[in-house]
């Protein structure tokens, strides 16, 4: 137990921050799982909405210092990659080969 009044306040403050960070990390994990499950389905619009939400949550947790900026960039890249792959697979133009201009 702390002996100084300021140390007691630090204990209280650290606990509040720990709980807030924990909730934010849990929300981030939930959003990322939602993107992963939506990516397996064939619904491109739902995936686009889930990816947009995920990118926003990743940015917020990064700006608050809850996750490292490099981890945030890596997560954003992975979400965007899943979105691009799903959109490429769902578009009819991507499935047909383009004639080469030789």
Protein backbone atom coordinates (compact mmCIF):
# COMPACT_ATOMS: atom_id res chain seq x y z
CA UNK A 1 0.00 0.00 0.00
CA UNK A 2 1.22 3.51 -0.77
CA UNK A 3 2.28 5.73 2.11
CA UNK A 4 2.06 9.09 0.35
CA UNK A 5 -1.15 10.82 -0.70
CA UNK A 6 0.07 11.39 -4.26
CA UNK A 7 0.97 7.70 -4.55
CA UNK A 8 -2.56 6.77 -3.47
CA UNK A 9 -3.94 8.95 -6.24
CA UNK A 10 -1.59 7.33 -8.76
CA UNK A 11 -2.94 3.91 -7.78
CA UNK A 12 -6.51 5.09 -8.37
CA UNK A 13 -5.62 6.79 -11.65
CA UNK A 14 -3.68 3.81 -12.95
CA UNK A 15 -6.59 1.49 -12.22
CA UNK A 16 -9.03 3.73 -14.10
CA UNK A 17 -6.70 3.91 -17.07
CA UNK A 18 -6.09 0.17 -17.02
CA UNK A 19 -9.82 -0.51 -17.18
CA UNK A 20 -10.34 2.05 -19.94
CA UNK A 21 -7.46 0.60 -21.99
CA UNK A 22 -8.73 -2.92 -21.45
CA UNK A 23 -12.20 -1.97 -22.71
CA UNK A 24 -10.75 -0.26 -25.77
CA UNK A 25 -8.57 -3.27 -26.61
CA UNK A 26 -11.55 -5.60 -26.24
CA UNK A 27 -13.60 -3.39 -28.57
CA UNK A 28 -10.75 -3.42 -31.07
CA UNK A 29 -10.53 -7.21 -31.00
CA UNK A 30 -14.30 -7.51 -31.45
CA UNK A 31 -14.26 -5.24 -34.50
CA UNK A 32 -11.37 -7.16 -36.04
CA UNK A 33 -13.19 -10.46 -35.51
CA UNK A 34 -16.26 -8.98 -37.18
CA UNK A 35 -14.17 -8.05 -40.22
CA UNK A 36 -12.72 -11.57 -40.37
CA UNK A 37 -16.12 -13.26 -40.22
CA UNK A 38 -17.65 -10.83 -42.71
CA UNK A 39 -14.74 -11.40 -45.11
CA UNK A 40 -15.62 -15.10 -45.26
CA UNK A 41 -19.17 -14.30 -46.34
CA UNK A 42 -19.85 -13.10 -49.87
CA UNK A 43 -21.40 -9.77 -48.84
CA UNK A 44 -19.07 -7.02 -50.09
CA UNK A 45 -21.19 -4.16 -48.75
CA UNK A 46 -21.25 -5.57 -45.23
CA UNK A 47 -17.50 -6.08 -45.38
CA UNK A 48 -17.01 -2.52 -46.55
CA UNK A 49 -19.01 -1.22 -43.59
CA UNK A 50 -17.19 -3.49 -41.13
CA UNK A 51 -13.80 -2.47 -42.51
CA UNK A 52 -14.66 1.21 -42.28
CA UNK A 53 -15.67 0.76 -38.64
CA UNK A 54 -12.51 -1.23 -37.92
CA UNK A 55 -10.25 1.39 -39.47
CA UNK A 56 -11.92 4.09 -37.39
CA UNK A 57 -11.53 2.10 -34.15
CA UNK A 58 -7.89 1.32 -34.93
CA UNK A 59 -7.19 4.99 -35.53
CA UNK A 60 -8.86 6.02 -32.28
CA UNK A 61 -6.99 3.50 -30.17
CA UNK A 62 -3.73 4.57 -31.80
CA UNK A 63 -4.37 8.25 -31.21
CA UNK A 64 -5.13 7.63 -27.54
CA UNK A 65 -1.88 5.71 -27.14
CA UNK A 66 -3.55 2.42 -26.29
CA UNK A 67 -1.81 0.58 -29.11
CA UNK A 68 1.52 1.31 -30.79
CA UNK A 69 1.49 3.19 -34.09
CA UNK A 70 3.25 0.34 -35.88
CA UNK A 71 0.74 -2.19 -34.66
CA UNK A 72 -2.04 0.14 -35.78
CA UNK A 73 -0.51 0.44 -39.25
CA UNK A 74 -0.16 -3.34 -39.48
CA UNK A 75 -3.79 -3.89 -38.46
CA UNK A 76 -5.04 -1.23 -40.89
CA UNK A 77 -3.04 -2.83 -43.67
CA UNK A 78 -4.50 -6.27 -42.96
CA UNK A 79 -8.06 -4.95 -42.86
CA UNK A 80 -7.58 -3.04 -46.11
CA UNK A 81 -6.02 -6.10 -47.75
CA UNK A 82 -9.04 -8.25 -46.83
CA UNK A 83 -11.38 -5.58 -48.17
CA UNK A 84 -9.48 -5.26 -51.45
CA UNK A 85 -9.40 -9.04 -51.96
CA UNK A 86 -13.14 -9.34 -51.34
CA UNK A 87 -13.97 -6.45 -53.66
CA UNK A 88 -11.73 -7.87 -56.39
CA UNK A 89 -13.38 -11.26 -56.08
CA UNK A 90 -16.90 -9.83 -56.14
CA UNK A 91 -16.45 -7.50 -59.12
CA UNK A 92 -17.24 -9.12 -62.50
CA UNK A 93 -14.54 -7.13 -64.32
CA UNK A 94 -11.82 -8.63 -62.18
CA UNK A 95 -12.78 -12.20 -63.03
CA UNK A 96 -12.61 -11.74 -66.81
CA UNK A 97 -9.11 -11.46 -68.25
CA UNK A 98 -8.29 -8.26 -70.09
CA UNK A 99 -6.91 -8.54 -73.62
CA UNK A 100 -3.27 -7.59 -73.90
CA UNK A 101 -2.32 -4.78 -76.25
CA UNK A 102 0.69 -6.29 -78.04
